[in-house]
């Protein structure tokens, strides 16, 4: 996933992007119960299961 983001995002945006991804992983993409139906980056996640 990181490689896909890095190739599409200018280096100046990396810091903000990874702050967002950390927040996202704590609120949407939880290990025990991911909310894939609410995820905006499902096409980047290697293990996402579409729900709904």
C-alpha atoms as a PDB file:
ATOM      1  CA  UNK A   1       0.000   0.000   0.000  1.00  0.00           C
ATOM      2  CA  UNK A   2       2.773   2.440   0.894  1.00  0.00           C
ATOM      3  CA  UNK A   3       4.436   2.045  -2.502  1.00  0.00           C
ATOM      4  CA  UNK A   4       1.153   2.891  -4.275  1.00  0.00           C
ATOM      5  CA  UNK A   5       0.684   6.013  -2.171  1.00  0.00           C
ATOM      6  CA  UNK A   6       4.273   7.190  -2.539  1.00  0.00           C
ATOM      7  CA  UNK A   7       4.235   6.903  -6.325  1.00  0.00           C
ATOM      8  CA  UNK A   8       1.053   9.000  -6.599  1.00  0.00           C
ATOM      9  CA  UNK A   9       1.725  11.625  -3.938  1.00  0.00           C
ATOM     10  CA  UNK A  10       4.360  14.364  -4.121  1.00  0.00           C
ATOM     11  CA  UNK A  11       7.020  14.097  -1.431  1.00  0.00           C
ATOM     12  CA  UNK A  12       5.784  17.323   0.183  1.00  0.00           C
ATOM     13  CA  UNK A  13       2.503  15.577   1.067  1.00  0.00           C
ATOM     14  CA  UNK A  14       3.937  12.415   2.603  1.00  0.00           C
ATOM     15  CA  UNK A  15       3.854  13.644   6.212  1.00  0.00           C
ATOM     16  CA  UNK A  16       0.198  14.641   6.161  1.00  0.00           C
ATOM     17  CA  UNK A  17      -0.744  11.498   4.293  1.00  0.00           C
ATOM     18  CA  UNK A  18       0.789   9.176   6.842  1.00  0.00           C
ATOM     19  CA  UNK A  19      -0.773  11.115   9.733  1.00  0.00           C
ATOM     20  CA  UNK A  20      -4.129  10.563   7.995  1.00  0.00           C
ATOM     21  CA  UNK A  21      -3.392   6.873   7.427  1.00  0.00           C
ATOM     22  CA  UNK A  22      -2.520   6.400  11.110  1.00  0.00           C
ATOM     23  CA  UNK A  23      -5.809   8.045  12.110  1.00  0.00           C
ATOM     24  CA  UNK A  24      -7.655   5.966   9.508  1.00  0.00           C
ATOM     25  CA  UNK A  25      -6.190   2.722  10.843  1.00  0.00           C
ATOM     26  CA  UNK A  26      -7.312   3.597  14.362  1.00  0.00           C
ATOM     27  CA  UNK A  27     -10.850   4.596  13.436  1.00  0.00           C
ATOM     28  CA  UNK A  28     -11.917   2.743  10.268  1.00  0.00           C
ATOM     29  CA  UNK A  29      -9.481  -0.074   9.591  1.00  0.00           C
ATOM     30  CA  UNK A  30      -9.398  -1.705  13.010  1.00  0.00           C
ATOM     31  CA  UNK A  31      -7.672  -5.084  13.180  1.00  0.00           C
ATOM     32  CA  UNK A  32     -10.523  -6.948  14.873  1.00  0.00           C
ATOM     33  CA  UNK A  33     -13.442  -5.294  13.093  1.00  0.00           C
ATOM     34  CA  UNK A  34     -12.550  -3.232  10.014  1.00  0.00           C
ATOM     35  CA  UNK A  35     -15.266  -1.007   8.602  1.00  0.00           C
ATOM     36  CA  UNK A  36     -14.518  -1.688   4.937  1.00  0.00           C
ATOM     37  CA  UNK A  37     -17.889  -0.260   3.887  1.00  0.00           C
ATOM     38  CA  UNK A  38     -16.801   3.134   5.287  1.00  0.00           C
ATOM     39  CA  UNK A  39     -13.275   2.989   3.859  1.00  0.00           C
ATOM     40  CA  UNK A  40     -12.232   5.472   1.180  1.00  0.00           C
ATOM     41  CA  UNK A  41      -9.029   3.609   0.245  1.00  0.00           C
ATOM     42  CA  UNK A  42     -10.298   0.051  -0.236  1.00  0.00           C
ATOM     43  CA  UNK A  43      -8.611  -0.193  -3.623  1.00  0.00           C
ATOM     44  CA  UNK A  44      -5.203   0.310  -1.957  1.00  0.00           C
ATOM     45  CA  UNK A  45      -5.598  -2.169   0.903  1.00  0.00           C
ATOM     46  CA  UNK A  46      -4.220  -5.635   0.209  1.00  0.00           C
ATOM     47  CA  UNK A  47      -6.509  -7.418   2.667  1.00  0.00           C
ATOM     48  CA  UNK A  48      -9.741  -5.459   2.540  1.00  0.00           C
ATOM     49  CA  UNK A  49     -12.969  -7.362   2.297  1.00  0.00           C
ATOM     50  CA  UNK A  50     -15.848  -5.464   0.768  1.00  0.00           C
ATOM     51  CA  UNK A  51     -18.822  -5.447   3.127  1.00  0.00           C
ATOM     52  CA  UNK A  52     -22.380  -4.578   2.237  1.00  0.00           C
END
